[in-house]
Amino acid sequence: MVALYFSAHWCPPCRHFTPQLASIYANFKKDHARKADWEVVFVSSDRDEESFKEYFGEMPWTALPYGKREAKAQLSKLYKVRPACMVAC
């Protein structure tokens, strides 16, 4: 199973949720019998690569490389992703 985590450093709800998800991820990867069957991939909505790198540094999982903006756009369109801050902030 692959979980795509659409997030951005500039989004307060995302910044609040990321440490919670990181804790769940770390516990799952440490203790669960099927830990090899689950991975998270960060898909960044950051506005620049430096912000991406800083924010991704807080995450224990992998990421779609920042330079893959077309792939990010295609995934966002496919899954109808809009950053929470554009909706709720």
N, C-alpha and C. Protein backbone atom coordinates (compact mmCIF):
# COMPACT_ATOMS: atom_id res chain seq x y z
N MET A 1 0.85 -1.15 0.00
CA MET A 1 0.00 0.00 0.00
C MET A 1 0.90 1.22 0.00
N VAL A 2 0.52 2.18 -0.82
CA VAL A 2 1.25 3.44 -0.88
C VAL A 2 0.28 4.57 -0.54
N ALA A 3 0.66 5.39 0.41
CA ALA A 3 -0.13 6.56 0.78
C ALA A 3 0.55 7.79 0.21
N LEU A 4 -0.16 8.56 -0.59
CA LEU A 4 0.38 9.81 -1.10
C LEU A 4 -0.01 10.90 -0.12
N TYR A 5 0.99 11.60 0.40
CA TYR A 5 0.76 12.66 1.40
C TYR A 5 0.99 14.01 0.73
N PHE A 6 -0.10 14.64 0.32
CA PHE A 6 -0.05 15.97 -0.28
C PHE A 6 0.00 16.98 0.86
N SER A 7 1.06 17.79 0.90
CA SER A 7 1.25 18.71 2.00
C SER A 7 2.18 19.84 1.57
N ALA A 8 2.27 20.88 2.42
CA ALA A 8 3.16 22.01 2.16
C ALA A 8 3.56 22.66 3.47
N HIS A 9 4.78 23.18 3.51
CA HIS A 9 5.27 23.79 4.75
C HIS A 9 4.49 25.03 5.14
N TRP A 10 3.90 25.73 4.20
CA TRP A 10 3.19 26.99 4.46
C TRP A 10 1.76 26.78 4.97
N CYS A 11 1.32 25.54 5.06
CA CYS A 11 -0.05 25.22 5.43
C CYS A 11 -0.14 24.84 6.91
N PRO A 12 -0.72 25.69 7.77
CA PRO A 12 -0.79 25.37 9.21
C PRO A 12 -1.44 24.02 9.53
N PRO A 13 -2.58 23.64 8.92
CA PRO A 13 -3.13 22.32 9.24
C PRO A 13 -2.16 21.19 8.87
N CYS A 14 -1.47 21.35 7.76
CA CYS A 14 -0.48 20.33 7.35
C CYS A 14 0.65 20.26 8.36
N ARG A 15 1.15 21.41 8.78
CA ARG A 15 2.27 21.44 9.72
C ARG A 15 1.86 20.81 11.06
N HIS A 16 0.60 20.93 11.41
CA HIS A 16 0.11 20.32 12.64
C HIS A 16 -0.03 18.80 12.48
N PHE A 17 -0.46 18.36 11.31
CA PHE A 17 -0.71 16.93 11.08
C PHE A 17 0.56 16.13 10.82
N THR A 18 1.55 16.72 10.17
CA THR A 18 2.76 15.98 9.78
C THR A 18 3.43 15.26 10.96
N PRO A 19 3.66 15.90 12.11
CA PRO A 19 4.28 15.17 13.22
C PRO A 19 3.44 13.99 13.72
N GLN A 20 2.12 14.14 13.65
CA GLN A 20 1.24 13.05 14.07
C GLN A 20 1.37 11.86 13.12
N LEU A 21 1.37 12.15 11.82
CA LEU A 21 1.53 11.09 10.83
C LEU A 21 2.92 10.45 10.95
N ALA A 22 3.93 11.26 11.20
CA ALA A 22 5.30 10.74 11.35
C ALA A 22 5.38 9.78 12.54
N SER A 23 4.69 10.09 13.62
CA SER A 23 4.68 9.21 14.79
C SER A 23 4.00 7.88 14.47
N ILE A 24 2.85 7.95 13.81
CA ILE A 24 2.14 6.73 13.41
C ILE A 24 3.01 5.90 12.48
N TYR A 25 3.63 6.56 11.53
CA TYR A 25 4.50 5.88 10.56
C TYR A 25 5.66 5.19 11.28
N ALA A 26 6.33 5.90 12.18
CA ALA A 26 7.48 5.33 12.89
C ALA A 26 7.07 4.11 13.72
N ASN A 27 5.95 4.21 14.41
CA ASN A 27 5.48 3.08 15.22
C ASN A 27 5.09 1.89 14.35
N PHE A 28 4.44 2.16 13.24
CA PHE A 28 4.05 1.08 12.34
C PHE A 28 5.30 0.39 11.78
N LYS A 29 6.26 1.18 11.31
CA LYS A 29 7.47 0.63 10.71
C LYS A 29 8.33 -0.12 11.73
N LYS A 30 8.19 0.22 13.00
CA LYS A 30 8.97 -0.43 14.05
C LYS A 30 8.35 -1.75 14.49
N ASP A 31 7.05 -1.78 14.63
CA ASP A 31 6.39 -2.90 15.32
C ASP A 31 5.50 -3.80 14.47
N HIS A 32 5.00 -3.31 13.38
CA HIS A 32 3.96 -4.06 12.66
C HIS A 32 4.55 -5.20 11.83
N ALA A 33 3.87 -6.32 11.84
CA ALA A 33 4.32 -7.50 11.08
C ALA A 33 4.36 -7.24 9.57
N ARG A 34 3.53 -6.32 9.10
CA ARG A 34 3.47 -6.03 7.65
C ARG A 34 4.09 -4.68 7.32
N LYS A 35 5.08 -4.28 8.10
CA LYS A 35 5.69 -2.95 7.92
C LYS A 35 6.27 -2.74 6.53
N ALA A 36 6.70 -3.80 5.87
CA ALA A 36 7.26 -3.67 4.52
C ALA A 36 6.18 -3.45 3.46
N ASP A 37 4.91 -3.63 3.85
CA ASP A 37 3.81 -3.53 2.90
C ASP A 37 3.19 -2.13 2.82
N TRP A 38 3.76 -1.15 3.54
CA TRP A 38 3.16 0.18 3.58
C TRP A 38 4.24 1.24 3.46
N GLU A 39 3.99 2.22 2.61
CA GLU A 39 4.93 3.33 2.46
C GLU A 39 4.15 4.61 2.23
N VAL A 40 4.73 5.71 2.68
CA VAL A 40 4.17 7.04 2.48
C VAL A 40 5.10 7.77 1.51
N VAL A 41 4.50 8.53 0.60
CA VAL A 41 5.27 9.36 -0.33
C VAL A 41 4.75 10.79 -0.22
N PHE A 42 5.63 11.69 0.16
CA PHE A 42 5.31 13.11 0.26
C PHE A 42 5.23 13.71 -1.15
N VAL A 43 4.10 14.36 -1.43
CA VAL A 43 3.91 15.07 -2.69
C VAL A 43 3.76 16.54 -2.31
N SER A 44 4.78 17.31 -2.59
CA SER A 44 4.88 18.68 -2.08
C SER A 44 4.08 19.70 -2.88
N SER A 45 3.39 20.56 -2.14
CA SER A 45 2.76 21.74 -2.72
C SER A 45 3.54 22.99 -2.33
N ASP A 46 4.79 22.80 -1.90
CA ASP A 46 5.63 23.94 -1.55
C ASP A 46 5.90 24.80 -2.77
N ARG A 47 6.19 26.06 -2.52
CA ARG A 47 6.36 27.03 -3.60
C ARG A 47 7.79 27.11 -4.13
N ASP A 48 8.74 26.52 -3.39
CA ASP A 48 10.12 26.52 -3.86
C ASP A 48 10.84 25.31 -3.29
N GLU A 49 11.96 24.96 -3.91
CA GLU A 49 12.68 23.74 -3.53
C GLU A 49 13.29 23.84 -2.14
N GLU A 50 13.73 25.02 -1.75
CA GLU A 50 14.32 25.18 -0.41
C GLU A 50 13.29 24.88 0.68
N SER A 51 12.07 25.37 0.50
CA SER A 51 10.99 25.08 1.46
C SER A 51 10.67 23.59 1.48
N PHE A 52 10.64 23.00 0.29
CA PHE A 52 10.43 21.55 0.19
C PHE A 52 11.48 20.80 1.00
N LYS A 53 12.75 21.13 0.79
CA LYS A 53 13.83 20.43 1.48
C LYS A 53 13.74 20.58 2.99
N GLU A 54 13.43 21.79 3.45
CA GLU A 54 13.31 22.03 4.89
C GLU A 54 12.17 21.20 5.49
N TYR A 55 11.03 21.24 4.86
CA TYR A 55 9.85 20.52 5.36
C TYR A 55 10.05 19.00 5.25
N PHE A 56 10.55 18.54 4.13
CA PHE A 56 10.79 17.11 3.94
C PHE A 56 11.79 16.57 4.95
N GLY A 57 12.68 17.42 5.43
CA GLY A 57 13.64 17.02 6.45
C GLY A 57 12.99 16.57 7.75
N GLU A 58 11.73 16.93 7.94
CA GLU A 58 10.98 16.54 9.15
C GLU A 58 10.25 15.21 8.97
N MET A 59 10.36 14.62 7.79
CA MET A 59 9.56 13.44 7.47
C MET A 59 10.43 12.19 7.38
N PRO A 60 9.94 11.06 7.93
CA PRO A 60 10.71 9.82 7.90
C PRO A 60 10.48 8.96 6.66
N TRP A 61 9.67 9.42 5.72
CA TRP A 61 9.34 8.62 4.54
C TRP A 61 10.00 9.21 3.30
N THR A 62 9.60 8.75 2.15
CA THR A 62 10.18 9.19 0.89
C THR A 62 9.33 10.32 0.29
N ALA A 63 9.81 10.87 -0.81
CA ALA A 63 9.08 11.97 -1.45
C ALA A 63 9.23 11.89 -2.97
N LEU A 64 8.23 12.41 -3.64
CA LEU A 64 8.35 12.68 -5.06
C LEU A 64 9.34 13.84 -5.16
N PRO A 65 10.41 13.71 -5.95
CA PRO A 65 11.38 14.81 -6.04
C PRO A 65 10.70 16.13 -6.41
N TYR A 66 11.16 17.22 -5.80
CA TYR A 66 10.53 18.53 -6.02
C TYR A 66 10.50 18.90 -7.50
N GLY A 67 11.53 18.56 -8.22
CA GLY A 67 11.63 18.91 -9.63
C GLY A 67 10.61 18.23 -10.52
N LYS A 68 9.91 17.26 -10.01
CA LYS A 68 8.89 16.53 -10.79
C LYS A 68 7.54 17.25 -10.68
N ARG A 69 7.52 18.52 -11.05
CA ARG A 69 6.30 19.34 -10.88
C ARG A 69 5.17 18.87 -11.80
N GLU A 70 5.49 18.39 -12.99
CA GLU A 70 4.44 17.89 -13.88
C GLU A 70 3.77 16.65 -13.29
N ALA A 71 4.57 15.76 -12.72
CA ALA A 71 4.01 14.56 -12.07
C ALA A 71 3.16 14.98 -10.87
N LYS A 72 3.63 15.97 -10.12
CA LYS A 72 2.85 16.48 -8.98
C LYS A 72 1.51 17.03 -9.48
N ALA A 73 1.54 17.80 -10.55
CA ALA A 73 0.31 18.37 -11.10
C ALA A 73 -0.65 17.28 -11.57
N GLN A 74 -0.11 16.26 -12.21
CA GLN A 74 -0.95 15.16 -12.69
C GLN A 74 -1.58 14.39 -11.53
N LEU A 75 -0.80 14.13 -10.47
CA LEU A 75 -1.35 13.44 -9.29
C LEU A 75 -2.42 14.29 -8.62
N SER A 76 -2.15 15.59 -8.49
CA SER A 76 -3.13 16.49 -7.87
C SER A 76 -4.43 16.50 -8.66
N LYS A 77 -4.32 16.52 -9.98
CA LYS A 77 -5.52 16.50 -10.81
C LYS A 77 -6.25 15.17 -10.70
N LEU A 78 -5.49 14.08 -10.77
CA LEU A 78 -6.08 12.74 -10.69
C LEU A 78 -6.87 12.54 -9.40
N TYR A 79 -6.31 13.00 -8.28
CA TYR A 79 -6.94 12.80 -6.98
C TYR A 79 -7.72 14.02 -6.49
N LYS A 80 -7.86 15.02 -7.37
CA LYS A 80 -8.64 16.23 -7.05
C LYS A 80 -8.16 16.88 -5.75
N VAL A 81 -6.85 17.09 -5.68
CA VAL A 81 -6.23 17.65 -4.48
C VAL A 81 -6.22 19.16 -4.55
N ARG A 82 -6.69 19.76 -3.47
CA ARG A 82 -6.55 21.20 -3.26
C ARG A 82 -5.98 21.36 -1.86
N PRO A 83 -4.91 22.13 -1.71
CA PRO A 83 -4.34 22.31 -0.37
C PRO A 83 -5.40 22.77 0.62
N ALA A 84 -5.36 22.21 1.82
CA ALA A 84 -6.34 22.55 2.85
C ALA A 84 -6.39 24.04 3.12
N CYS A 85 -5.25 24.70 3.05
CA CYS A 85 -5.21 26.13 3.33
C CYS A 85 -5.96 26.94 2.28
N MET A 86 -6.05 26.41 1.08
CA MET A 86 -6.81 27.12 0.04
C MET A 86 -8.30 26.98 0.33
N VAL A 87 -8.67 25.98 1.09
CA VAL A 87 -10.06 25.72 1.39
C VAL A 87 -10.44 26.28 2.76
N ALA A 88 -9.59 26.05 3.77
CA ALA A 88 -9.97 26.33 5.15
C ALA A 88 -9.24 27.49 5.81
N CYS A 89 -8.12 27.90 5.31
CA CYS A 89 -7.34 28.95 6.00
C CYS A 89 -7.72 30.33 5.55
